[in-house]
Amino acid sequence: MTKRAAPPFLAQRAYRRRRMIDAACLLPLAGAFAFFLPILWRPQATPQPDTVFGMAYLFGAWALLILLARVMAHLITRTPDKAAGELEVDGDAAP
């Protein structure tokens, strides 16, 4: 009887963890976009600048980035990654 070959895909947990790592790597780019977004705002028709709204926006974006980084770090470290090259077949590790 011939031995069945392992499937050409990773286990679901390892795949999701790697995608979360990819998302965490993109978080600084999203933060840079969020921080530079106020440059594109048009000022209102008032002679005074809108610094209060701009500073509240920047603080909120900063706090949201911290929260997202914390959640992603928790999700990434929650599930251990298997060794490279290990595939999972029906719940068991392939040799």
N, C-alpha and C. Protein backbone atom coordinates (compact mmCIF):
# COMPACT_ATOMS: atom_id res chain seq x y z
N MET A 1 0.84 -1.17 0.00
CA MET A 1 0.00 0.00 0.00
C MET A 1 0.89 1.24 0.00
N THR A 2 0.59 2.20 -0.85
CA THR A 2 1.41 3.41 -0.93
C THR A 2 1.02 4.39 0.16
N LYS A 3 2.01 5.12 0.60
CA LYS A 3 1.78 6.12 1.65
C LYS A 3 1.21 7.38 1.02
N ARG A 4 0.17 7.90 1.62
CA ARG A 4 -0.48 9.11 1.11
C ARG A 4 0.39 10.33 1.39
N ALA A 5 0.55 11.17 0.39
CA ALA A 5 1.38 12.37 0.56
C ALA A 5 0.65 13.39 1.43
N ALA A 6 1.43 14.19 2.13
CA ALA A 6 0.87 15.24 2.98
C ALA A 6 0.25 16.34 2.10
N PRO A 7 -0.78 16.98 2.56
CA PRO A 7 -1.40 18.05 1.78
C PRO A 7 -0.44 19.24 1.64
N PRO A 8 -0.56 19.99 0.56
CA PRO A 8 0.38 21.09 0.32
C PRO A 8 0.03 22.38 1.04
N PHE A 9 -0.68 22.31 2.14
CA PHE A 9 -1.04 23.52 2.86
C PHE A 9 -0.67 23.39 4.33
N LEU A 10 -0.61 24.53 5.00
CA LEU A 10 -0.26 24.54 6.42
C LEU A 10 -1.48 24.28 7.27
N ALA A 11 -1.25 23.98 8.50
CA ALA A 11 -2.35 23.83 9.44
C ALA A 11 -3.05 25.18 9.61
N GLN A 12 -4.32 25.14 9.93
CA GLN A 12 -5.11 26.36 10.00
C GLN A 12 -4.58 27.32 11.07
N ARG A 13 -4.19 26.79 12.23
CA ARG A 13 -3.68 27.65 13.29
C ARG A 13 -2.40 28.36 12.89
N ALA A 14 -1.47 27.64 12.27
CA ALA A 14 -0.21 28.23 11.84
C ALA A 14 -0.44 29.26 10.74
N TYR A 15 -1.37 28.97 9.84
CA TYR A 15 -1.67 29.90 8.75
C TYR A 15 -2.25 31.20 9.31
N ARG A 16 -3.19 31.09 10.22
CA ARG A 16 -3.79 32.30 10.81
C ARG A 16 -2.77 33.10 11.61
N ARG A 17 -1.88 32.40 12.30
CA ARG A 17 -0.86 33.11 13.08
C ARG A 17 0.08 33.88 12.16
N ARG A 18 0.45 33.27 11.06
CA ARG A 18 1.35 33.97 10.12
C ARG A 18 0.66 35.16 9.47
N ARG A 19 -0.64 35.05 9.21
CA ARG A 19 -1.36 36.19 8.65
C ARG A 19 -1.49 37.31 9.68
N MET A 20 -1.61 36.98 10.96
CA MET A 20 -1.63 38.00 12.01
C MET A 20 -0.27 38.68 12.12
N ILE A 21 0.80 37.93 11.92
CA ILE A 21 2.13 38.54 11.93
C ILE A 21 2.27 39.49 10.75
N ASP A 22 1.74 39.11 9.58
CA ASP A 22 1.76 40.00 8.43
C ASP A 22 0.97 41.27 8.70
N ALA A 23 -0.19 41.13 9.34
CA ALA A 23 -1.00 42.30 9.68
C ALA A 23 -0.28 43.19 10.68
N ALA A 24 0.43 42.59 11.63
CA ALA A 24 1.19 43.37 12.60
C ALA A 24 2.32 44.14 11.93
N CYS A 25 2.89 43.57 10.88
CA CYS A 25 3.95 44.26 10.15
C CYS A 25 3.40 45.46 9.37
N LEU A 26 2.14 45.41 8.99
CA LEU A 26 1.52 46.52 8.27
C LEU A 26 0.98 47.60 9.20
N LEU A 27 0.92 47.33 10.49
CA LEU A 27 0.38 48.29 11.45
C LEU A 27 1.15 49.62 11.47
N PRO A 28 2.48 49.64 11.40
CA PRO A 28 3.18 50.94 11.34
C PRO A 28 2.83 51.76 10.09
N LEU A 29 2.60 51.09 8.97
CA LEU A 29 2.20 51.84 7.76
C LEU A 29 0.81 52.45 7.93
N ALA A 30 -0.10 51.69 8.53
CA ALA A 30 -1.43 52.22 8.79
C ALA A 30 -1.35 53.39 9.77
N GLY A 31 -0.47 53.29 10.76
CA GLY A 31 -0.28 54.39 11.71
C GLY A 31 0.29 55.63 11.05
N ALA A 32 1.26 55.45 10.17
CA ALA A 32 1.82 56.61 9.46
C ALA A 32 0.76 57.28 8.60
N PHE A 33 -0.06 56.48 7.94
CA PHE A 33 -1.15 57.06 7.15
C PHE A 33 -2.12 57.83 8.04
N ALA A 34 -2.46 57.25 9.19
CA ALA A 34 -3.39 57.91 10.10
C ALA A 34 -2.80 59.21 10.66
N PHE A 35 -1.49 59.24 10.91
CA PHE A 35 -0.87 60.44 11.45
C PHE A 35 -0.72 61.54 10.41
N PHE A 36 -0.51 61.18 9.15
CA PHE A 36 -0.36 62.19 8.11
C PHE A 36 -1.68 62.61 7.48
N LEU A 37 -2.76 61.95 7.82
CA LEU A 37 -4.07 62.28 7.28
C LEU A 37 -4.52 63.71 7.62
N PRO A 38 -4.24 64.25 8.81
CA PRO A 38 -4.66 65.63 9.09
C PRO A 38 -4.03 66.67 8.17
N ILE A 39 -2.94 66.35 7.52
CA ILE A 39 -2.33 67.30 6.59
C ILE A 39 -3.27 67.56 5.41
N LEU A 40 -4.08 66.58 5.06
CA LEU A 40 -4.98 66.71 3.93
C LEU A 40 -6.30 67.42 4.27
N TRP A 41 -6.55 67.64 5.56
CA TRP A 41 -7.80 68.31 5.95
C TRP A 41 -7.79 69.75 5.48
N ARG A 42 -8.93 70.21 5.06
CA ARG A 42 -9.09 71.63 4.71
C ARG A 42 -9.51 72.38 5.97
N PRO A 43 -8.92 73.54 6.20
CA PRO A 43 -9.34 74.31 7.38
C PRO A 43 -10.75 74.87 7.19
N GLN A 44 -11.43 75.08 8.30
CA GLN A 44 -12.77 75.67 8.23
C GLN A 44 -12.65 77.13 7.84
N ALA A 45 -13.77 77.77 7.67
CA ALA A 45 -13.79 79.17 7.24
C ALA A 45 -13.45 80.14 8.37
N THR A 46 -13.01 79.64 9.50
CA THR A 46 -12.64 80.51 10.62
C THR A 46 -11.16 80.86 10.54
N PRO A 47 -10.81 82.02 11.06
CA PRO A 47 -9.38 82.40 11.01
C PRO A 47 -8.51 81.61 11.97
N GLN A 48 -9.09 81.00 13.03
CA GLN A 48 -8.30 80.22 13.99
C GLN A 48 -8.11 78.79 13.46
N PRO A 49 -6.94 78.24 13.65
CA PRO A 49 -6.72 76.86 13.22
C PRO A 49 -7.49 75.88 14.11
N ASP A 50 -7.77 74.72 13.59
CA ASP A 50 -8.52 73.68 14.31
C ASP A 50 -7.57 72.74 15.02
N THR A 51 -6.77 73.26 15.91
CA THR A 51 -5.77 72.42 16.58
C THR A 51 -6.38 71.48 17.60
N VAL A 52 -7.48 71.88 18.23
CA VAL A 52 -8.09 71.01 19.24
C VAL A 52 -8.60 69.73 18.59
N PHE A 53 -9.32 69.85 17.49
CA PHE A 53 -9.84 68.68 16.81
C PHE A 53 -8.69 67.83 16.26
N GLY A 54 -7.68 68.46 15.71
CA GLY A 54 -6.53 67.73 15.17
C GLY A 54 -5.77 66.98 16.24
N MET A 55 -5.58 67.61 17.39
CA MET A 55 -4.87 66.93 18.49
C MET A 55 -5.71 65.80 19.07
N ALA A 56 -7.01 65.99 19.15
CA ALA A 56 -7.89 64.91 19.63
C ALA A 56 -7.84 63.72 18.66
N TYR A 57 -7.83 64.02 17.37
CA TYR A 57 -7.74 62.96 16.36
C TYR A 57 -6.41 62.21 16.49
N LEU A 58 -5.31 62.93 16.60
CA LEU A 58 -4.00 62.28 16.70
C LEU A 58 -3.89 61.44 17.96
N PHE A 59 -4.42 61.95 19.09
CA PHE A 59 -4.38 61.17 20.33
C PHE A 59 -5.24 59.91 20.18
N GLY A 60 -6.41 60.04 19.57
CA GLY A 60 -7.28 58.88 19.36
C GLY A 60 -6.64 57.85 18.44
N ALA A 61 -5.99 58.31 17.37
CA ALA A 61 -5.31 57.38 16.45
C ALA A 61 -4.16 56.69 17.16
N TRP A 62 -3.43 57.43 17.97
CA TRP A 62 -2.32 56.86 18.73
C TRP A 62 -2.82 55.80 19.70
N ALA A 63 -3.91 56.10 20.43
CA ALA A 63 -4.47 55.14 21.38
C ALA A 63 -5.01 53.91 20.66
N LEU A 64 -5.62 54.10 19.51
CA LEU A 64 -6.14 52.97 18.73
C LEU A 64 -5.00 52.08 18.23
N LEU A 65 -3.89 52.68 17.81
CA LEU A 65 -2.73 51.88 17.39
C LEU A 65 -2.17 51.06 18.54
N ILE A 66 -2.12 51.64 19.71
CA ILE A 66 -1.64 50.91 20.88
C ILE A 66 -2.56 49.73 21.18
N LEU A 67 -3.86 49.98 21.13
CA LEU A 67 -4.83 48.92 21.39
C LEU A 67 -4.74 47.80 20.35
N LEU A 68 -4.64 48.17 19.08
CA LEU A 68 -4.51 47.16 18.03
C LEU A 68 -3.22 46.35 18.16
N ALA A 69 -2.13 47.01 18.51
CA ALA A 69 -0.86 46.30 18.69
C ALA A 69 -0.96 45.32 19.86
N ARG A 70 -1.63 45.71 20.91
CA ARG A 70 -1.79 44.83 22.07
C ARG A 70 -2.65 43.61 21.72
N VAL A 71 -3.74 43.83 21.00
CA VAL A 71 -4.61 42.73 20.61
C VAL A 71 -3.88 41.78 19.66
N MET A 72 -3.16 42.33 18.70
CA MET A 72 -2.42 41.48 17.76
C MET A 72 -1.33 40.69 18.47
N ALA A 73 -0.63 41.32 19.41
CA ALA A 73 0.42 40.62 20.16
C ALA A 73 -0.19 39.48 20.96
N HIS A 74 -1.36 39.70 21.54
CA HIS A 74 -2.02 38.64 22.30
C HIS A 74 -2.42 37.49 21.38
N LEU A 75 -2.97 37.82 20.21
CA LEU A 75 -3.39 36.77 19.29
C LEU A 75 -2.21 36.00 18.71
N ILE A 76 -1.11 36.68 18.49
CA ILE A 76 0.07 36.01 17.93
C ILE A 76 0.72 35.09 18.95
N THR A 77 0.85 35.54 20.19
CA THR A 77 1.54 34.74 21.20
C THR A 77 0.64 33.70 21.84
N ARG A 78 -0.64 33.76 21.59
CA ARG A 78 -1.58 32.81 22.19
C ARG A 78 -1.39 31.40 21.64
N THR A 79 -1.12 31.28 20.35
CA THR A 79 -0.98 29.96 19.74
C THR A 79 0.48 29.74 19.36
N PRO A 80 1.08 28.66 19.83
CA PRO A 80 2.48 28.40 19.48
C PRO A 80 2.60 27.98 18.01
N ASP A 81 3.67 28.42 17.38
CA ASP A 81 3.93 28.08 15.98
C ASP A 81 4.69 26.77 15.92
N LYS A 82 4.31 25.93 14.99
CA LYS A 82 5.03 24.66 14.82
C LYS A 82 6.33 24.92 14.08
N ALA A 83 7.21 23.97 14.13
CA ALA A 83 8.49 24.10 13.45
C ALA A 83 8.26 24.22 11.95
N ALA A 84 9.14 24.92 11.29
CA ALA A 84 9.02 25.11 9.84
C ALA A 84 9.11 23.76 9.15
N GLY A 85 8.23 23.55 8.21
CA GLY A 85 8.24 22.30 7.48
C GLY A 85 7.30 21.25 8.03
N GLU A 86 6.76 21.48 9.23
CA GLU A 86 5.82 20.52 9.79
C GLU A 86 4.44 20.81 9.24
N LEU A 87 3.80 19.82 8.73
CA LEU A 87 2.44 19.94 8.21
C LEU A 87 1.50 19.13 9.10
N GLU A 88 0.27 19.59 9.19
CA GLU A 88 -0.70 18.89 9.99
C GLU A 88 -1.64 18.13 9.07
N VAL A 89 -1.81 16.85 9.32
CA VAL A 89 -2.70 16.01 8.51
C VAL A 89 -3.75 15.44 9.46
N ASP A 90 -4.98 15.85 9.29
CA ASP A 90 -6.11 15.36 10.09
C ASP A 90 -5.82 15.45 11.59
N GLY A 91 -5.24 16.56 12.03
CA GLY A 91 -4.98 16.75 13.46
C GLY A 91 -3.68 16.17 13.96
N ASP A 92 -2.98 15.41 13.16
CA ASP A 92 -1.70 14.82 13.57
C ASP A 92 -0.58 15.46 12.77
N ALA A 93 0.58 15.58 13.40
CA ALA A 93 1.74 16.13 12.69
C ALA A 93 2.29 15.10 11.72
N ALA A 94 2.63 15.57 10.52
CA ALA A 94 3.21 14.68 9.51
C ALA A 94 4.68 14.44 9.82
N PRO A 95 5.21 13.27 9.52
CA PRO A 95 6.63 12.98 9.80
C PRO A 95 7.55 13.73 8.86
